[in-house]
Amino acid sequence: MDGTQRDPRSATGEQAEAVEREAAKERLLAQAEAERIPVEETTRAVPDRRWSRER
């Protein structure tokens, strides 16, 4: 053999890591969605009129 055969346990470990990465990605997306502020709820920036009074 040329030594390229893989240990079946390493393939299982790689699959477990892939599942963990996907779960972490889903958690991050869920957290971002929970923290998202809809556009309708944001306030418009209002110019500071104090500067125009001094002129």
N, C-alpha and C. Protein backbone atom coordinates (compact mmCIF):
# COMPACT_ATOMS: atom_id res chain seq x y z
N MET A 1 0.84 -1.20 0.00
CA MET A 1 0.00 0.00 0.00
C MET A 1 0.88 1.25 0.00
N ASP A 2 0.32 2.34 -0.45
CA ASP A 2 1.10 3.57 -0.53
C ASP A 2 0.87 4.50 0.67
N GLY A 3 0.14 4.04 1.65
CA GLY A 3 -0.04 4.83 2.86
C GLY A 3 -1.11 5.91 2.75
N THR A 4 -1.93 5.87 1.72
CA THR A 4 -2.96 6.90 1.57
C THR A 4 -4.29 6.49 2.18
N GLN A 5 -4.37 5.27 2.68
CA GLN A 5 -5.62 4.86 3.32
C GLN A 5 -5.82 5.66 4.59
N ARG A 6 -7.06 5.97 4.86
CA ARG A 6 -7.37 6.77 6.04
C ARG A 6 -7.95 5.88 7.13
N ASP A 7 -7.71 6.29 8.31
CA ASP A 7 -8.30 5.62 9.46
C ASP A 7 -9.79 5.95 9.48
N PRO A 8 -10.66 4.96 9.56
CA PRO A 8 -12.11 5.24 9.57
C PRO A 8 -12.52 6.19 10.70
N ARG A 9 -11.79 6.15 11.79
CA ARG A 9 -12.12 7.04 12.90
C ARG A 9 -11.86 8.50 12.54
N SER A 10 -10.85 8.77 11.71
CA SER A 10 -10.59 10.16 11.33
C SER A 10 -11.70 10.69 10.43
N ALA A 11 -12.26 9.83 9.58
CA ALA A 11 -13.38 10.24 8.74
C ALA A 11 -14.59 10.55 9.62
N THR A 12 -14.80 9.75 10.64
CA THR A 12 -15.90 10.00 11.57
C THR A 12 -15.68 11.31 12.31
N GLY A 13 -14.44 11.57 12.70
CA GLY A 13 -14.10 12.83 13.38
C GLY A 13 -14.33 14.03 12.48
N GLU A 14 -13.97 13.89 11.21
CA GLU A 14 -14.19 14.98 10.26
C GLU A 14 -15.68 15.24 10.08
N GLN A 15 -16.46 14.17 10.04
CA GLN A 15 -17.91 14.34 9.90
C GLN A 15 -18.48 15.03 11.14
N ALA A 16 -17.98 14.66 12.31
CA ALA A 16 -18.46 15.28 13.55
C ALA A 16 -18.10 16.76 13.56
N GLU A 17 -16.89 17.09 13.09
CA GLU A 17 -16.48 18.50 13.03
C GLU A 17 -17.36 19.27 12.05
N ALA A 18 -17.69 18.66 10.93
CA ALA A 18 -18.55 19.32 9.95
C ALA A 18 -19.94 19.58 10.54
N VAL A 19 -20.45 18.62 11.29
CA VAL A 19 -21.76 18.79 11.93
C VAL A 19 -21.68 19.90 12.97
N GLU A 20 -20.60 19.93 13.74
CA GLU A 20 -20.43 20.99 14.76
C GLU A 20 -20.32 22.36 14.11
N ARG A 21 -19.58 22.46 12.99
CA ARG A 21 -19.45 23.74 12.28
C ARG A 21 -20.80 24.22 11.78
N GLU A 22 -21.58 23.30 11.22
CA GLU A 22 -22.91 23.66 10.71
C GLU A 22 -23.82 24.11 11.85
N ALA A 23 -23.75 23.42 12.99
CA ALA A 23 -24.57 23.80 14.14
C ALA A 23 -24.16 25.17 14.66
N ALA A 24 -22.85 25.44 14.68
CA ALA A 24 -22.38 26.74 15.14
C ALA A 24 -22.84 27.84 14.19
N LYS A 25 -22.80 27.56 12.88
CA LYS A 25 -23.26 28.54 11.90
C LYS A 25 -24.74 28.84 12.09
N GLU A 26 -25.53 27.80 12.33
CA GLU A 26 -26.97 28.00 12.55
C GLU A 26 -27.22 28.81 13.82
N ARG A 27 -26.44 28.55 14.88
CA ARG A 27 -26.60 29.33 16.12
C ARG A 27 -26.27 30.80 15.88
N LEU A 28 -25.19 31.06 15.14
CA LEU A 28 -24.82 32.46 14.85
C LEU A 28 -25.89 33.16 14.02
N LEU A 29 -26.41 32.47 13.03
CA LEU A 29 -27.47 33.07 12.21
C LEU A 29 -28.71 33.35 13.03
N ALA A 30 -29.07 32.42 13.92
CA ALA A 30 -30.25 32.62 14.77
C ALA A 30 -30.03 33.79 15.72
N GLN A 31 -28.82 33.91 16.27
CA GLN A 31 -28.52 35.01 17.18
C GLN A 31 -28.56 36.34 16.43
N ALA A 32 -27.99 36.38 15.23
CA ALA A 32 -27.99 37.61 14.44
C ALA A 32 -29.42 38.02 14.10
N GLU A 33 -30.25 37.06 13.76
CA GLU A 33 -31.64 37.37 13.43
C GLU A 33 -32.38 37.88 14.65
N ALA A 34 -32.09 37.31 15.82
CA ALA A 34 -32.75 37.74 17.05
C ALA A 34 -32.34 39.17 17.42
N GLU A 35 -31.10 39.55 17.11
CA GLU A 35 -30.59 40.87 17.48
C GLU A 35 -30.85 41.92 16.40
N ARG A 36 -31.35 41.48 15.25
CA ARG A 36 -31.57 42.40 14.13
C ARG A 36 -32.69 43.38 14.47
N ILE A 37 -32.49 44.61 14.10
CA ILE A 37 -33.51 45.64 14.31
C ILE A 37 -34.15 45.93 12.96
N PRO A 38 -35.45 45.71 12.83
CA PRO A 38 -36.11 45.98 11.55
C PRO A 38 -35.98 47.46 11.17
N VAL A 39 -35.93 47.72 9.89
CA VAL A 39 -35.77 49.08 9.40
C VAL A 39 -36.89 49.97 9.90
N GLU A 40 -38.08 49.41 10.00
CA GLU A 40 -39.23 50.21 10.44
C GLU A 40 -39.07 50.74 11.86
N GLU A 41 -38.26 50.04 12.66
CA GLU A 41 -38.10 50.44 14.06
C GLU A 41 -36.92 51.38 14.29
N THR A 42 -36.15 51.63 13.28
CA THR A 42 -35.01 52.54 13.45
C THR A 42 -35.49 53.97 13.28
N THR A 43 -34.80 54.89 13.90
CA THR A 43 -35.18 56.30 13.77
C THR A 43 -34.27 56.98 12.77
N ARG A 44 -34.81 57.95 12.11
CA ARG A 44 -34.00 58.73 11.17
C ARG A 44 -33.08 59.65 11.93
N ALA A 45 -31.95 59.92 11.35
CA ALA A 45 -31.04 60.88 11.96
C ALA A 45 -31.63 62.27 11.79
N VAL A 46 -31.69 63.02 12.87
CA VAL A 46 -32.23 64.37 12.84
C VAL A 46 -31.06 65.33 12.97
N PRO A 47 -30.96 66.31 12.11
CA PRO A 47 -29.83 67.24 12.20
C PRO A 47 -29.87 68.02 13.52
N ASP A 48 -28.70 68.27 14.04
CA ASP A 48 -28.59 69.01 15.30
C ASP A 48 -28.76 70.49 14.98
N ARG A 49 -29.85 71.09 15.44
CA ARG A 49 -30.16 72.47 15.09
C ARG A 49 -29.43 73.49 15.96
N ARG A 50 -28.73 73.02 17.00
CA ARG A 50 -28.00 73.98 17.85
C ARG A 50 -26.98 74.76 17.06
N TRP A 51 -26.38 74.12 16.06
CA TRP A 51 -25.34 74.81 15.29
C TRP A 51 -25.94 75.92 14.45
N SER A 52 -27.14 75.74 13.94
CA SER A 52 -27.73 76.77 13.09
C SER A 52 -28.19 77.98 13.91
N ARG A 53 -28.45 77.83 15.20
CA ARG A 53 -28.88 78.93 16.05
C ARG A 53 -27.75 79.93 16.28
N GLU A 54 -26.53 79.44 16.30
CA GLU A 54 -25.39 80.31 16.59
C GLU A 54 -25.02 81.20 15.41
N ARG A 55 -25.56 80.94 14.26
CA ARG A 55 -25.19 81.73 13.08
C ARG A 55 -25.88 83.05 13.04
